[in-house]
Amino acid sequence: IVGDADGVIVIPADIVEEVVDDALAQEEQD
């Protein structure tokens, strides 16, 4: 479970590592 000012999302535990890595890479690009 991850929440911030935008709201709360649910991430399946078996893919959380790859999801957050890709999200941070996209944040760097943005």
PDB file of all heavy atoms in Angstrom:
ATOM      1  N   ILE A   1       0.849  -1.183   0.000  1.00  0.00           N
ATOM      2  CA  ILE A   1       0.000   0.000   0.000  1.00  0.00           C
ATOM      3  C   ILE A   1       0.890   1.241   0.000  1.00  0.00           C
ATOM      4  O   ILE A   1       1.784   1.364   0.844  1.00  0.00           O
ATOM      5  CB  ILE A   1      -0.918   0.031   1.236  1.00  0.00           C
ATOM      6  CG1 ILE A   1      -1.727  -1.274   1.346  1.00  0.00           C
ATOM      7  CG2 ILE A   1      -1.833   1.241   1.193  1.00  0.00           C
ATOM      8  CD1 ILE A   1      -2.657  -1.542   0.189  1.00  0.00           C
ATOM      9  N   VAL A   2       0.633   2.144  -0.960  1.00  0.00           N
ATOM     10  CA  VAL A   2       1.391   3.390  -1.039  1.00  0.00           C
ATOM     11  C   VAL A   2       0.402   4.544  -1.154  1.00  0.00           C
ATOM     12  O   VAL A   2      -0.534   4.498  -1.966  1.00  0.00           O
ATOM     13  CB  VAL A   2       2.355   3.399  -2.242  1.00  0.00           C
ATOM     14  CG1 VAL A   2       3.169   4.700  -2.267  1.00  0.00           C
ATOM     15  CG2 VAL A   2       3.298   2.197  -2.199  1.00  0.00           C
ATOM     16  N   GLY A   3       0.599   5.565  -0.343  1.00  0.00           N
ATOM     17  CA  GLY A   3      -0.290   6.717  -0.381  1.00  0.00           C
ATOM     18  C   GLY A   3       0.475   8.027  -0.278  1.00  0.00           C
ATOM     19  O   GLY A   3       1.512   8.101   0.381  1.00  0.00           O
ATOM     20  N   ASP A   4      -0.023   9.046  -0.975  1.00  0.00           N
ATOM     21  CA  ASP A   4       0.499  10.398  -0.848  1.00  0.00           C
ATOM     22  C   ASP A   4      -0.667  11.369  -1.041  1.00  0.00           C
ATOM     23  O   ASP A   4      -1.835  10.960  -0.941  1.00  0.00           O
ATOM     24  CB  ASP A   4       1.668  10.654  -1.815  1.00  0.00           C
ATOM     25  CG  ASP A   4       1.316  10.421  -3.270  1.00  0.00           C
ATOM     26  OD1 ASP A   4       0.107  10.439  -3.612  1.00  0.00           O
ATOM     27  OD2 ASP A   4       2.231  10.230  -4.093  1.00  0.00           O
ATOM     28  N   ALA A   5      -0.384  12.610  -1.325  1.00  0.00           N
ATOM     29  CA  ALA A   5      -1.458  13.602  -1.442  1.00  0.00           C
ATOM     30  C   ALA A   5      -2.416  13.284  -2.584  1.00  0.00           C
ATOM     31  O   ALA A   5      -3.567  13.742  -2.577  1.00  0.00           O
ATOM     32  CB  ALA A   5      -0.863  14.992  -1.626  1.00  0.00           C
ATOM     33  N   ASP A   6      -1.966  12.514  -3.588  1.00  0.00           N
ATOM     34  CA  ASP A   6      -2.839  12.149  -4.701  1.00  0.00           C
ATOM     35  C   ASP A   6      -3.812  11.031  -4.348  1.00  0.00           C
ATOM     36  O   ASP A   6      -4.819  10.853  -5.032  1.00  0.00           O
ATOM     37  CB  ASP A   6      -2.002  11.708  -5.906  1.00  0.00           C
ATOM     38  CG  ASP A   6      -1.402  12.883  -6.657  1.00  0.00           C
ATOM     39  OD1 ASP A   6      -1.797  14.028  -6.381  1.00  0.00           O
ATOM     40  OD2 ASP A   6      -0.528  12.645  -7.510  1.00  0.00           O
ATOM     41  N   GLY A   7      -3.510  10.238  -3.338  1.00  0.00           N
ATOM     42  CA  GLY A   7      -4.376   9.132  -2.979  1.00  0.00           C
ATOM     43  C   GLY A   7      -3.593   7.885  -2.643  1.00  0.00           C
ATOM     44  O   GLY A   7      -2.389   7.936  -2.360  1.00  0.00           O
ATOM     45  N   VAL A   8      -4.267   6.745  -2.683  1.00  0.00           N
ATOM     46  CA  VAL A   8      -3.690   5.466  -2.251  1.00  0.00           C
ATOM     47  C   VAL A   8      -3.813   4.447  -3.378  1.00  0.00           C
ATOM     48  O   VAL A   8      -4.876   4.304  -3.990  1.00  0.00           O
ATOM     49  CB  VAL A   8      -4.406   4.927  -0.993  1.00  0.00           C
ATOM     50  CG1 VAL A   8      -3.786   3.604  -0.548  1.00  0.00           C
ATOM     51  CG2 VAL A   8      -4.352   5.949   0.138  1.00  0.00           C
ATOM     52  N   ILE A   9      -2.709   3.723  -3.637  1.00  0.00           N
ATOM     53  CA  ILE A   9      -2.742   2.655  -4.633  1.00  0.00           C
ATOM     54  C   ILE A   9      -2.324   1.338  -3.992  1.00  0.00           C
ATOM     55  O   ILE A   9      -1.668   1.311  -2.940  1.00  0.00           O
ATOM     56  CB  ILE A   9      -1.847   2.955  -5.852  1.00  0.00           C
ATOM     57  CG1 ILE A   9      -0.399   3.132  -5.433  1.00  0.00           C
ATOM     58  CG2 ILE A   9      -2.353   4.157  -6.613  1.00  0.00           C
ATOM     59  CD1 ILE A   9       0.554   3.164  -6.620  1.00  0.00           C
ATOM     60  N   VAL A  10      -2.706   0.251  -4.660  1.00  0.00           N
ATOM     61  CA  VAL A  10      -2.437  -1.107  -4.203  1.00  0.00           C
ATOM     62  C   VAL A  10      -1.514  -1.773  -5.220  1.00  0.00           C
ATOM     63  O   VAL A  10      -1.829  -1.804  -6.414  1.00  0.00           O
ATOM     64  CB  VAL A  10      -3.748  -1.907  -4.072  1.00  0.00           C
ATOM     65  CG1 VAL A  10      -3.475  -3.302  -3.545  1.00  0.00           C
ATOM     66  CG2 VAL A  10      -4.753  -1.167  -3.207  1.00  0.00           C
ATOM     67  N   ILE A  11      -0.396  -2.323  -4.758  1.00  0.00           N
ATOM     68  CA  ILE A  11       0.567  -2.974  -5.658  1.00  0.00           C
ATOM     69  C   ILE A  11       0.719  -4.435  -5.249  1.00  0.00           C
ATOM     70  O   ILE A  11       1.043  -4.722  -4.089  1.00  0.00           O
ATOM     71  CB  ILE A  11       1.944  -2.281  -5.603  1.00  0.00           C
ATOM     72  CG1 ILE A  11       1.812  -0.777  -5.815  1.00  0.00           C
ATOM     73  CG2 ILE A  11       2.891  -2.891  -6.637  1.00  0.00           C
ATOM     74  CD1 ILE A  11       3.121  -0.021  -5.649  1.00  0.00           C
ATOM     75  N   PRO A  12       0.488  -5.381  -6.167  1.00  0.00           N
ATOM     76  CA  PRO A  12       0.732  -6.787  -5.824  1.00  0.00           C
ATOM     77  C   PRO A  12       2.183  -6.987  -5.391  1.00  0.00           C
ATOM     78  O   PRO A  12       3.111  -6.455  -6.001  1.00  0.00           O
ATOM     79  CB  PRO A  12       0.427  -7.528  -7.134  1.00  0.00           C
ATOM     80  CG  PRO A  12      -0.485  -6.603  -7.893  1.00  0.00           C
ATOM     81  CD  PRO A  12      -0.032  -5.224  -7.539  1.00  0.00           C
ATOM     82  N   ALA A  13       2.379  -7.748  -4.330  1.00  0.00           N
ATOM     83  CA  ALA A  13       3.711  -7.886  -3.744  1.00  0.00           C
ATOM     84  C   ALA A  13       4.717  -8.514  -4.705  1.00  0.00           C
ATOM     85  O   ALA A  13       5.907  -8.205  -4.644  1.00  0.00           O
ATOM     86  CB  ALA A  13       3.625  -8.724  -2.464  1.00  0.00           C
ATOM     87  N   ASP A  14       4.249  -9.382  -5.616  1.00  0.00           N
ATOM     88  CA  ASP A  14       5.202 -10.083  -6.470  1.00  0.00           C
ATOM     89  C   ASP A  14       5.780  -9.218  -7.580  1.00  0.00           C
ATOM     90  O   ASP A  14       6.751  -9.620  -8.237  1.00  0.00           O
ATOM     91  CB  ASP A  14       4.565 -11.349  -7.059  1.00  0.00           C
ATOM     92  CG  ASP A  14       3.323 -11.055  -7.890  1.00  0.00           C
ATOM     93  OD1 ASP A  14       2.783  -9.932  -7.794  1.00  0.00           O
ATOM     94  OD2 ASP A  14       2.893 -11.951  -8.639  1.00  0.00           O
ATOM     95  N   ILE A  15       5.221  -8.012  -7.812  1.00  0.00           N
ATOM     96  CA  ILE A  15       5.772  -7.151  -8.868  1.00  0.00           C
ATOM     97  C   ILE A  15       6.215  -5.797  -8.334  1.00  0.00           C
ATOM     98  O   ILE A  15       6.614  -4.928  -9.110  1.00  0.00           O
ATOM     99  CB  ILE A  15       4.758  -6.954 -10.014  1.00  0.00           C
ATOM    100  CG1 ILE A  15       3.489  -6.246  -9.510  1.00  0.00           C
ATOM    101  CG2 ILE A  15       4.423  -8.271 -10.689  1.00  0.00           C
ATOM    102  CD1 ILE A  15       2.552  -5.795 -10.639  1.00  0.00           C
ATOM    103  N   VAL A  16       6.165  -5.605  -7.014  1.00  0.00           N
ATOM    104  CA  VAL A  16       6.420  -4.275  -6.477  1.00  0.00           C
ATOM    105  C   VAL A  16       7.825  -3.781  -6.781  1.00  0.00           C
ATOM    106  O   VAL A  16       8.049  -2.601  -7.070  1.00  0.00           O
ATOM    107  CB  VAL A  16       6.134  -4.235  -4.951  1.00  0.00           C
ATOM    108  CG1 VAL A  16       7.073  -5.144  -4.180  1.00  0.00           C
ATOM    109  CG2 VAL A  16       6.202  -2.801  -4.431  1.00  0.00           C
ATOM    110  N   GLU A  17       8.819  -4.677  -6.764  1.00  0.00           N
ATOM    111  CA  GLU A  17      10.202  -4.257  -7.001  1.00  0.00           C
ATOM    112  C   GLU A  17      10.368  -3.692  -8.401  1.00  0.00           C
ATOM    113  O   GLU A  17      10.938  -2.614  -8.608  1.00  0.00           O
ATOM    114  CB  GLU A  17      11.151  -5.429  -6.781  1.00  0.00           C
ATOM    115  CG  GLU A  17      12.605  -5.041  -6.671  1.00  0.00           C
ATOM    116  CD  GLU A  17      13.040  -4.759  -5.245  1.00  0.00           C
ATOM    117  OE1 GLU A  17      12.772  -5.577  -4.350  1.00  0.00           O
ATOM    118  OE2 GLU A  17      13.661  -3.688  -5.040  1.00  0.00           O
ATOM    119  N   GLU A  18       9.849  -4.407  -9.407  1.00  0.00           N
ATOM    120  CA  GLU A  18      10.015  -3.939 -10.781  1.00  0.00           C
ATOM    121  C   GLU A  18       9.182  -2.679 -11.043  1.00  0.00           C
ATOM    122  O   GLU A  18       9.608  -1.776 -11.782  1.00  0.00           O
ATOM    123  CB  GLU A  18       9.622  -5.038 -11.771  1.00  0.00           C
ATOM    124  CG  GLU A  18       8.163  -5.456 -11.723  1.00  0.00           C
ATOM    125  CD  GLU A  18       7.837  -6.571 -12.704  1.00  0.00           C
ATOM    126  OE1 GLU A  18       8.259  -7.715 -12.466  1.00  0.00           O
ATOM    127  OE2 GLU A  18       7.161  -6.281 -13.709  1.00  0.00           O
ATOM    128  N   VAL A  19       8.010  -2.606 -10.409  1.00  0.00           N
ATOM    129  CA  VAL A  19       7.158  -1.433 -10.593  1.00  0.00           C
ATOM    130  C   VAL A  19       7.829  -0.181 -10.058  1.00  0.00           C
ATOM    131  O   VAL A  19       7.870   0.862 -10.723  1.00  0.00           O
ATOM    132  CB  VAL A  19       5.783  -1.649  -9.918  1.00  0.00           C
ATOM    133  CG1 VAL A  19       5.010  -0.337  -9.818  1.00  0.00           C
ATOM    134  CG2 VAL A  19       4.961  -2.673 -10.699  1.00  0.00           C
ATOM    135  N   VAL A  20       8.374  -0.249  -8.854  1.00  0.00           N
ATOM    136  CA  VAL A  20       8.986   0.952  -8.276  1.00  0.00           C
ATOM    137  C   VAL A  20      10.267   1.320  -9.010  1.00  0.00           C
ATOM    138  O   VAL A  20      10.565   2.513  -9.205  1.00  0.00           O
ATOM    139  CB  VAL A  20       9.229   0.774  -6.759  1.00  0.00           C
ATOM    140  CG1 VAL A  20      10.340  -0.227  -6.474  1.00  0.00           C
ATOM    141  CG2 VAL A  20       9.548   2.117  -6.118  1.00  0.00           C
ATOM    142  N   ASP A  21      11.035   0.319  -9.463  1.00  0.00           N
ATOM    143  CA  ASP A  21      12.250   0.648 -10.226  1.00  0.00           C
ATOM    144  C   ASP A  21      11.901   1.380 -11.512  1.00  0.00           C
ATOM    145  O   ASP A  21      12.534   2.390 -11.867  1.00  0.00           O
ATOM    146  CB  ASP A  21      13.028  -0.637 -10.535  1.00  0.00           C
ATOM    147  CG  ASP A  21      13.766  -1.184  -9.325  1.00  0.00           C
ATOM    148  OD1 ASP A  21      13.914  -0.438  -8.332  1.00  0.00           O
ATOM    149  OD2 ASP A  21      14.188  -2.358  -9.358  1.00  0.00           O
ATOM    150  N   ASP A  22      10.885   0.881 -12.214  1.00  0.00           N
ATOM    151  CA  ASP A  22      10.490   1.539 -13.464  1.00  0.00           C
ATOM    152  C   ASP A  22       9.882   2.910 -13.204  1.00  0.00           C
ATOM    153  O   ASP A  22      10.073   3.854 -13.995  1.00  0.00           O
ATOM    154  CB  ASP A  22       9.490   0.656 -14.225  1.00  0.00           C
ATOM    155  CG  ASP A  22      10.164  -0.574 -14.834  1.00  0.00           C
ATOM    156  OD1 ASP A  22      11.408  -0.674 -14.779  1.00  0.00           O
ATOM    157  OD2 ASP A  22       9.435  -1.447 -15.353  1.00  0.00           O
ATOM    158  N   ALA A  23       9.164   3.044 -12.101  1.00  0.00           N
ATOM    159  CA  ALA A  23       8.573   4.339 -11.776  1.00  0.00           C
ATOM    160  C   ALA A  23       9.651   5.369 -11.468  1.00  0.00           C
ATOM    161  O   ALA A  23       9.563   6.534 -11.910  1.00  0.00           O
ATOM    162  CB  ALA A  23       7.630   4.197 -10.576  1.00  0.00           C
ATOM    163  N   LEU A  24      10.672   4.969 -10.741  1.00  0.00           N
ATOM    164  CA  LEU A  24      11.758   5.911 -10.439  1.00  0.00           C
ATOM    165  C   LEU A  24      12.550   6.281 -11.683  1.00  0.00           C
ATOM    166  O   LEU A  24      12.975   7.433 -11.845  1.00  0.00           O
ATOM    167  CB  LEU A  24      12.675   5.307  -9.366  1.00  0.00           C
ATOM    168  CG  LEU A  24      12.062   5.206  -7.964  1.00  0.00           C
ATOM    169  CD1 LEU A  24      13.003   4.478  -7.024  1.00  0.00           C
ATOM    170  CD2 LEU A  24      11.716   6.583  -7.414  1.00  0.00           C
ATOM    171  N   ALA A  25      12.727   5.301 -12.585  1.00  0.00           N
ATOM    172  CA  ALA A  25      13.412   5.599 -13.841  1.00  0.00           C
ATOM    173  C   ALA A  25      12.601   6.596 -14.658  1.00  0.00           C
ATOM    174  O   ALA A  25      13.150   7.528 -15.273  1.00  0.00           O
ATOM    175  CB  ALA A  25      13.644   4.311 -14.628  1.00  0.00           C
ATOM    176  N   GLN A  26      11.276   6.417 -14.673  1.00  0.00           N
ATOM    177  CA  GLN A  26      10.417   7.345 -15.398  1.00  0.00           C
ATOM    178  C   GLN A  26      10.437   8.731 -14.752  1.00  0.00           C
ATOM    179  O   GLN A  26      10.415   9.753 -15.455  1.00  0.00           O
ATOM    180  CB  GLN A  26       8.977   6.813 -15.424  1.00  0.00           C
ATOM    181  CG  GLN A  26       8.015   7.638 -16.265  1.00  0.00           C
ATOM    182  CD  GLN A  26       8.377   7.627 -17.746  1.00  0.00           C
ATOM    183  OE1 GLN A  26       8.577   6.572 -18.332  1.00  0.00           O
ATOM    184  NE2 GLN A  26       8.480   8.810 -18.356  1.00  0.00           N
ATOM    185  N   GLU A  27      10.512   8.777 -13.418  1.00  0.00           N
ATOM    186  CA  GLU A  27      10.597  10.064 -12.725  1.00  0.00           C
ATOM    187  C   GLU A  27      11.873  10.815 -13.110  1.00  0.00           C
ATOM    188  O   GLU A  27      11.857  12.035 -13.313  1.00  0.00           O
ATOM    189  CB  GLU A  27      10.565   9.841 -11.214  1.00  0.00           C
ATOM    190  CG  GLU A  27       9.193   9.543 -10.644  1.00  0.00           C
ATOM    191  CD  GLU A  27       8.224  10.681 -10.869  1.00  0.00           C
ATOM    192  OE1 GLU A  27       8.493  11.811 -10.417  1.00  0.00           O
ATOM    193  OE2 GLU A  27       7.186  10.445 -11.528  1.00  0.00           O
ATOM    194  N   GLU A  28      12.959  10.072 -13.228  1.00  0.00           N
ATOM    195  CA  GLU A  28      14.223  10.705 -13.639  1.00  0.00           C
ATOM    196  C   GLU A  28      14.093  11.271 -15.046  1.00  0.00           C
ATOM    197  O   GLU A  28      14.536  12.396 -15.338  1.00  0.00           O
ATOM    198  CB  GLU A  28      15.358   9.683 -13.567  1.00  0.00           C
ATOM    199  CG  GLU A  28      16.718  10.261 -13.917  1.00  0.00           C
ATOM    200  CD  GLU A  28      17.820   9.223 -13.856  1.00  0.00           C
ATOM    201  OE1 GLU A  28      17.516   8.030 -13.623  1.00  0.00           O
ATOM    202  OE2 GLU A  28      18.991   9.591 -14.070  1.00  0.00           O
ATOM    203  N   GLN A  29      13.473  10.501 -15.931  1.00  0.00           N
ATOM    204  CA  GLN A  29      13.284  10.957 -17.309  1.00  0.00           C
ATOM    205  C   GLN A  29      12.370  12.175 -17.349  1.00  0.00           C
ATOM    206  O   GLN A  29      12.661  13.162 -18.047  1.00  0.00           O
ATOM    207  CB  GLN A  29      12.689   9.822 -18.140  1.00  0.00           C
ATOM    208  CG  GLN A  29      12.361  10.204 -19.570  1.00  0.00           C
ATOM    209  CD  GLN A  29      11.801   9.022 -20.350  1.00  0.00           C
ATOM    210  OE1 GLN A  29      12.452   7.991 -20.485  1.00  0.00           O
ATOM    211  NE2 GLN A  29      10.579   9.165 -20.850  1.00  0.00           N
ATOM    212  N   ASP A  30      11.266  12.145 -16.591  1.00  0.00           N
ATOM    213  CA  ASP A  30      10.336  13.276 -16.586  1.00  0.00           C
ATOM    214  C   ASP A  30      11.000  14.535 -16.036  1.00  0.00           C
ATOM    215  O   ASP A  30      10.720  15.652 -16.502  1.00  0.00           O
ATOM    216  CB  ASP A  30       9.102  12.925 -15.770  1.00  0.00           C
ATOM    217  CG  ASP A  30       8.216  11.883 -16.466  1.00  0.00           C
ATOM    218  OD1 ASP A  30       8.453  11.603 -17.645  1.00  0.00           O
ATOM    219  OD2 ASP A  30       7.296  11.372 -15.791  1.00  0.00           O
TER     220      ASP A  30
END
